[in-house]
Amino acid sequence: MNLLASEEAPNVLAVPLDELILGIVAFLIVFWALSKLALPGIRKALEERTSAIEGGIARAEQREAEAAALYERYQAQLAEARTEAAQIRAQAQSDRVAIVEEARSEAAEAAAAVTARADAAISAERAATVASLRREVGTLALSLAGKVVGESLEDDARARATVDRFIADLEAQASAGH
């Protein structure tokens, strides 16, 4: 009975030969069909994707180079702008100094003009005062001389010349004393 029992139980690992041949033929047909139909499309898609990735990398490198060039140009322009701003500040400083000096010069000229006008006004006032004093002193001297002599000397030209000579002598003594 042992013998019959062993013949009747199928081996799990044993594959029937007709199924094995049929499976191999089907696998080869499917492999051939995939290699002819699907594999070229897959290869083409992979090549396109590879070229797209490589192109993207190249474009990214190109853009990175362009960005670096733009950054360098920006830095150069920024340095130039800073230099120009420093020059503008220096020019403004020198302009300010020139304006202040010009204002001081104008103020000094205006002060000199005011002083000159004041000196002229004082000289004119002094001359007017001296002339007025001469007339007063002359009138008083003639009046006193007329009282001493007992006659009126006011109309006499010689009396006036005498008074003028007397005043001139007084002025000469006053200037010699100083």
C-alpha atoms as a PDB file:
ATOM      1  CA  MET A   1       0.000   0.000   0.000  1.00  0.00           C
ATOM      2  CA  ASN A   2       2.777   2.293   0.499  1.00  0.00           C
ATOM      3  CA  LEU A   3       3.622   2.001  -3.049  1.00  0.00           C
ATOM      4  CA  LEU A   4       0.199   2.954  -4.235  1.00  0.00           C
ATOM      5  CA  ALA A   5       0.030   5.886  -1.936  1.00  0.00           C
ATOM      6  CA  SER A   6       3.249   7.287  -3.271  1.00  0.00           C
ATOM      7  CA  GLU A   7       2.108   6.926  -6.878  1.00  0.00           C
ATOM      8  CA  GLU A   8      -1.072   8.697  -6.324  1.00  0.00           C
ATOM      9  CA  ALA A   9       0.310  11.794  -4.546  1.00  0.00           C
ATOM     10  CA  PRO A  10       1.538  14.332  -7.114  1.00  0.00           C
ATOM     11  CA  ASN A  11       4.886  16.039  -6.611  1.00  0.00           C
ATOM     12  CA  VAL A  12       4.441  19.702  -5.895  1.00  0.00           C
ATOM     13  CA  LEU A  13       7.714  20.667  -7.542  1.00  0.00           C
ATOM     14  CA  ALA A  14       7.172  18.684 -10.685  1.00  0.00           C
ATOM     15  CA  VAL A  15       5.967  20.809 -13.607  1.00  0.00           C
ATOM     16  CA  PRO A  16       4.250  19.027 -16.470  1.00  0.00           C
ATOM     17  CA  LEU A  17       6.381  19.155 -19.578  1.00  0.00           C
ATOM     18  CA  ASP A  18       3.658  20.404 -21.924  1.00  0.00           C
ATOM     19  CA  GLU A  19       2.922  23.384 -19.583  1.00  0.00           C
ATOM     20  CA  LEU A  20       6.608  24.180 -19.316  1.00  0.00           C
ATOM     21  CA  ILE A  21       7.045  24.282 -23.107  1.00  0.00           C
ATOM     22  CA  LEU A  22       3.868  26.284 -23.562  1.00  0.00           C
ATOM     23  CA  GLY A  23       4.993  28.794 -20.822  1.00  0.00           C
ATOM     24  CA  ILE A  24       8.441  29.184 -22.424  1.00  0.00           C
ATOM     25  CA  VAL A  25       6.930  29.746 -25.904  1.00  0.00           C
ATOM     26  CA  ALA A  26       4.423  32.278 -24.484  1.00  0.00           C
ATOM     27  CA  PHE A  27       7.235  34.062 -22.595  1.00  0.00           C
ATOM     28  CA  LEU A  28       9.350  34.299 -25.748  1.00  0.00           C
ATOM     29  CA  ILE A  29       6.392  35.633 -27.761  1.00  0.00           C
ATOM     30  CA  VAL A  30       5.611  38.260 -25.101  1.00  0.00           C
ATOM     31  CA  PHE A  31       9.322  39.148 -24.786  1.00  0.00           C
ATOM     32  CA  TRP A  32       9.662  39.474 -28.574  1.00  0.00           C
ATOM     33  CA  ALA A  33       6.474  41.603 -28.775  1.00  0.00           C
ATOM     34  CA  LEU A  34       7.626  43.860 -25.927  1.00  0.00           C
ATOM     35  CA  SER A  35      11.108  44.235 -27.433  1.00  0.00           C
ATOM     36  CA  LYS A  36       9.681  45.178 -30.829  1.00  0.00           C
ATOM     37  CA  LEU A  37       6.724  47.274 -29.730  1.00  0.00           C
ATOM     38  CA  ALA A  38       7.168  48.665 -26.229  1.00  0.00           C
ATOM     39  CA  LEU A  39      10.931  48.750 -25.714  1.00  0.00           C
ATOM     40  CA  PRO A  40      11.666  51.288 -28.504  1.00  0.00           C
ATOM     41  CA  GLY A  41       9.049  53.643 -27.062  1.00  0.00           C
ATOM     42  CA  ILE A  42      10.465  53.181 -23.584  1.00  0.00           C
ATOM     43  CA  ARG A  43      14.004  53.766 -24.875  1.00  0.00           C
ATOM     44  CA  LYS A  44      12.837  56.846 -26.784  1.00  0.00           C
ATOM     45  CA  ALA A  45      11.052  58.214 -23.699  1.00  0.00           C
ATOM     46  CA  LEU A  46      14.144  57.562 -21.567  1.00  0.00           C
ATOM     47  CA  GLU A  47      16.396  59.254 -24.128  1.00  0.00           C
ATOM     48  CA  GLU A  48      14.048  62.243 -24.339  1.00  0.00           C
ATOM     49  CA  ARG A  49      13.896  62.483 -20.583  1.00  0.00           C
ATOM     50  CA  THR A  50      17.694  62.187 -20.360  1.00  0.00           C
ATOM     51  CA  SER A  51      18.179  64.897 -22.983  1.00  0.00           C
ATOM     52  CA  ALA A  52      15.563  67.078 -21.272  1.00  0.00           C
ATOM     53  CA  ILE A  53      17.299  66.668 -17.939  1.00  0.00           C
ATOM     54  CA  GLU A  54      20.718  67.309 -19.470  1.00  0.00           C
ATOM     55  CA  GLY A  55      19.310  70.306 -21.387  1.00  0.00           C
ATOM     56  CA  GLY A  56      17.704  71.562 -18.202  1.00  0.00           C
ATOM     57  CA  ILE A  57      20.992  71.228 -16.397  1.00  0.00           C
ATOM     58  CA  ALA A  58      22.777  73.061 -19.235  1.00  0.00           C
ATOM     59  CA  ARG A  59      20.130  75.795 -19.228  1.00  0.00           C
ATOM     60  CA  ALA A  60      20.389  76.043 -15.450  1.00  0.00           C
ATOM     61  CA  GLU A  61      24.171  76.352 -15.702  1.00  0.00           C
ATOM     62  CA  GLN A  62      23.785  78.977 -18.438  1.00  0.00           C
ATOM     63  CA  ARG A  63      21.269  80.924 -16.358  1.00  0.00           C
ATOM     64  CA  GLU A  64      23.513  80.624 -13.338  1.00  0.00           C
ATOM     65  CA  ALA A  65      26.395  82.047 -15.395  1.00  0.00           C
ATOM     66  CA  GLU A  66      24.127  84.854 -16.649  1.00  0.00           C
ATOM     67  CA  ALA A  67      23.006  85.547 -13.076  1.00  0.00           C
ATOM     68  CA  ALA A  68      26.629  85.663 -11.939  1.00  0.00           C
ATOM     69  CA  ALA A  69      27.456  88.086 -14.780  1.00  0.00           C
ATOM     70  CA  LEU A  70      24.440  90.239 -13.883  1.00  0.00           C
ATOM     71  CA  TYR A  71      25.504  90.190 -10.244  1.00  0.00           C
ATOM     72  CA  GLU A  72      29.017  91.301 -11.181  1.00  0.00           C
ATOM     73  CA  ARG A  73      27.587  94.074 -13.366  1.00  0.00           C
ATOM     74  CA  TYR A  74      25.288  95.099 -10.522  1.00  0.00           C
ATOM     75  CA  GLN A  75      28.225  95.195  -8.113  1.00  0.00           C
ATOM     76  CA  ALA A  76      30.222  97.323 -10.589  1.00  0.00           C
ATOM     77  CA  GLN A  77      27.288  99.723 -11.054  1.00  0.00           C
ATOM     78  CA  LEU A  78      26.811  99.890  -7.296  1.00  0.00           C
ATOM     79  CA  ALA A  79      30.489 100.720  -6.795  1.00  0.00           C
ATOM     80  CA  GLU A  80      30.256 103.343  -9.539  1.00  0.00           C
ATOM     81  CA  ALA A  81      27.134 104.823  -7.941  1.00  0.00           C
ATOM     82  CA  ARG A  82      28.891 104.966  -4.572  1.00  0.00           C
ATOM     83  CA  THR A  83      31.871 106.712  -6.168  1.00  0.00           C
ATOM     84  CA  GLU A  84      29.570 109.162  -7.929  1.00  0.00           C
ATOM     85  CA  ALA A  85      27.683 109.823  -4.687  1.00  0.00           C
ATOM     86  CA  ALA A  86      30.983 110.524  -2.913  1.00  0.00           C
ATOM     87  CA  GLN A  87      31.947 112.930  -5.693  1.00  0.00           C
ATOM     88  CA  ILE A  88      28.566 114.659  -5.475  1.00  0.00           C
ATOM     89  CA  ARG A  89      28.955 114.988  -1.686  1.00  0.00           C
ATOM     90  CA  ALA A  90      32.464 116.410  -2.124  1.00  0.00           C
ATOM     91  CA  GLN A  91      31.219 118.854  -4.776  1.00  0.00           C
ATOM     92  CA  ALA A  92      28.315 119.888  -2.536  1.00  0.00           C
ATOM     93  CA  GLN A  93      30.758 120.441   0.338  1.00  0.00           C
ATOM     94  CA  SER A  94      33.021 122.608  -1.822  1.00  0.00           C
ATOM     95  CA  ASP A  95      29.971 124.483  -3.167  1.00  0.00           C
ATOM     96  CA  ARG A  96      28.816 125.078   0.392  1.00  0.00           C
ATOM     97  CA  VAL A  97      32.237 126.416   1.372  1.00  0.00           C
ATOM     98  CA  ALA A  98      32.282 128.659  -1.724  1.00  0.00           C
ATOM     99  CA  ILE A  99      28.785 129.973  -0.958  1.00  0.00           C
ATOM    100  CA  VAL A 100      29.725 130.674   2.667  1.00  0.00           C
ATOM    101  CA  GLU A 101      32.899 132.479   1.562  1.00  0.00           C
ATOM    102  CA  GLU A 102      30.942 134.468  -1.018  1.00  0.00           C
ATOM    103  CA  ALA A 103      28.350 135.417   1.621  1.00  0.00           C
ATOM    104  CA  ARG A 104      31.119 136.487   3.996  1.00  0.00           C
ATOM    105  CA  SER A 105      32.736 138.527   1.239  1.00  0.00           C
ATOM    106  CA  GLU A 106      29.434 140.194   0.375  1.00  0.00           C
ATOM    107  CA  ALA A 107      28.782 140.894   4.060  1.00  0.00           C
ATOM    108  CA  ALA A 108      32.259 142.420   4.436  1.00  0.00           C
ATOM    109  CA  GLU A 109      31.692 144.559   1.332  1.00  0.00           C
ATOM    110  CA  ALA A 110      28.293 145.640   2.623  1.00  0.00           C
ATOM    111  CA  ALA A 111      29.789 146.475   6.026  1.00  0.00           C
ATOM    112  CA  ALA A 112      32.577 148.456   4.333  1.00  0.00           C
ATOM    113  CA  ALA A 113      30.005 150.338   2.251  1.00  0.00           C
ATOM    114  CA  VAL A 114      27.917 151.115   5.349  1.00  0.00           C
ATOM    115  CA  THR A 115      31.053 152.247   7.194  1.00  0.00           C
ATOM    116  CA  ALA A 116      32.106 154.428   4.243  1.00  0.00           C
ATOM    117  CA  ARG A 117      28.636 155.994   4.090  1.00  0.00           C
ATOM    118  CA  ALA A 118      28.696 156.565   7.850  1.00  0.00           C
ATOM    119  CA  ASP A 119      32.169 158.130   7.626  1.00  0.00           C
ATOM    120  CA  ALA A 120      30.987 160.346   4.774  1.00  0.00           C
ATOM    121  CA  ALA A 121      27.899 161.314   6.734  1.00  0.00           C
ATOM    122  CA  ILE A 122      30.027 162.092   9.812  1.00  0.00           C
ATOM    123  CA  SER A 123      32.467 164.151   7.691  1.00  0.00           C
ATOM    124  CA  ALA A 124      29.594 166.054   6.113  1.00  0.00           C
ATOM    125  CA  GLU A 125      28.026 166.606   9.523  1.00  0.00           C
ATOM    126  CA  ARG A 126      31.390 167.770  10.908  1.00  0.00           C
ATOM    127  CA  ALA A 127      31.884 170.162   7.959  1.00  0.00           C
ATOM    128  CA  ALA A 128      28.369 171.500   8.414  1.00  0.00           C
ATOM    129  CA  THR A 129      28.954 171.896  12.143  1.00  0.00           C
ATOM    130  CA  VAL A 130      32.308 173.641  11.591  1.00  0.00           C
ATOM    131  CA  ALA A 131      30.731 176.000   9.047  1.00  0.00           C
ATOM    132  CA  SER A 132      27.861 176.704  11.416  1.00  0.00           C
ATOM    133  CA  LEU A 133      30.289 177.327  14.276  1.00  0.00           C
ATOM    134  CA  ARG A 134      32.341 179.666  12.078  1.00  0.00           C
ATOM    135  CA  ARG A 135      29.275 181.681  11.257  1.00  0.00           C
ATOM    136  CA  GLU A 136      28.275 181.792  14.922  1.00  0.00           C
ATOM    137  CA  VAL A 137      31.778 182.683  16.112  1.00  0.00           C
ATOM    138  CA  GLY A 138      32.101 185.291  13.327  1.00  0.00           C
ATOM    139  CA  THR A 139      28.765 186.807  14.219  1.00  0.00           C
ATOM    140  CA  LEU A 140      29.644 186.844  17.929  1.00  0.00           C
ATOM    141  CA  ALA A 141      33.125 188.248  17.246  1.00  0.00           C
ATOM    142  CA  LEU A 142      31.724 191.025  15.066  1.00  0.00           C
ATOM    143  CA  SER A 143      29.096 191.747  17.637  1.00  0.00           C
ATOM    144  CA  LEU A 144      31.701 191.914  20.430  1.00  0.00           C
ATOM    145  CA  ALA A 145      34.094 193.933  18.312  1.00  0.00           C
ATOM    146  CA  GLY A 146      31.268 196.311  17.483  1.00  0.00           C
ATOM    147  CA  LYS A 147      30.528 196.748  21.182  1.00  0.00           C
ATOM    148  CA  VAL A 148      34.223 197.319  21.947  1.00  0.00           C
ATOM    149  CA  VAL A 149      34.653 199.837  19.117  1.00  0.00           C
ATOM    150  CA  GLY A 150      31.238 201.257  19.573  1.00  0.00           C
ATOM    151  CA  GLU A 151      30.235 200.887  15.902  1.00  0.00           C
ATOM    152  CA  SER A 152      28.531 198.171  13.909  1.00  0.00           C
ATOM    153  CA  LEU A 153      31.071 196.058  11.961  1.00  0.00           C
ATOM    154  CA  GLU A 154      28.697 193.513  10.504  1.00  0.00           C
ATOM    155  CA  ASP A 155      28.622 194.801   6.941  1.00  0.00           C
ATOM    156  CA  ASP A 156      32.251 195.515   6.612  1.00  0.00           C
ATOM    157  CA  ALA A 157      34.163 192.995   4.439  1.00  0.00           C
ATOM    158  CA  ARG A 158      37.403 193.758   6.175  1.00  0.00           C
ATOM    159  CA  ALA A 159      35.851 192.878   9.512  1.00  0.00           C
ATOM    160  CA  ARG A 160      34.774 189.542   8.102  1.00  0.00           C
ATOM    161  CA  ALA A 161      38.278 188.844   6.771  1.00  0.00           C
ATOM    162  CA  THR A 162      39.694 189.675  10.200  1.00  0.00           C
ATOM    163  CA  VAL A 163      37.277 187.274  11.882  1.00  0.00           C
ATOM    164  CA  ASP A 164      38.125 184.518   9.386  1.00  0.00           C
ATOM    165  CA  ARG A 165      41.851 185.062   9.971  1.00  0.00           C
ATOM    166  CA  PHE A 166      41.289 184.916  13.742  1.00  0.00           C
ATOM    167  CA  ILE A 167      39.372 181.628  13.475  1.00  0.00           C
ATOM    168  CA  ALA A 168      42.044 180.146  11.182  1.00  0.00           C
ATOM    169  CA  ASP A 169      44.711 181.079  13.758  1.00  0.00           C
ATOM    170  CA  LEU A 170      42.650 179.368  16.488  1.00  0.00           C
ATOM    171  CA  GLU A 171      42.308 176.223  14.392  1.00  0.00           C
ATOM    172  CA  ALA A 172      46.056 176.188  13.655  1.00  0.00           C
ATOM    173  CA  GLN A 173      46.847 176.468  17.368  1.00  0.00           C
ATOM    174  CA  ALA A 174      44.355 173.693  18.167  1.00  0.00           C
ATOM    175  CA  SER A 175      45.841 171.342  15.541  1.00  0.00           C
ATOM    176  CA  ALA A 176      49.411 172.121  16.636  1.00  0.00           C
ATOM    177  CA  GLY A 177      48.447 171.283  20.231  1.00  0.00           C
ATOM    178  CA  HIS A 178      47.222 167.811  19.298  1.00  0.00           C
END
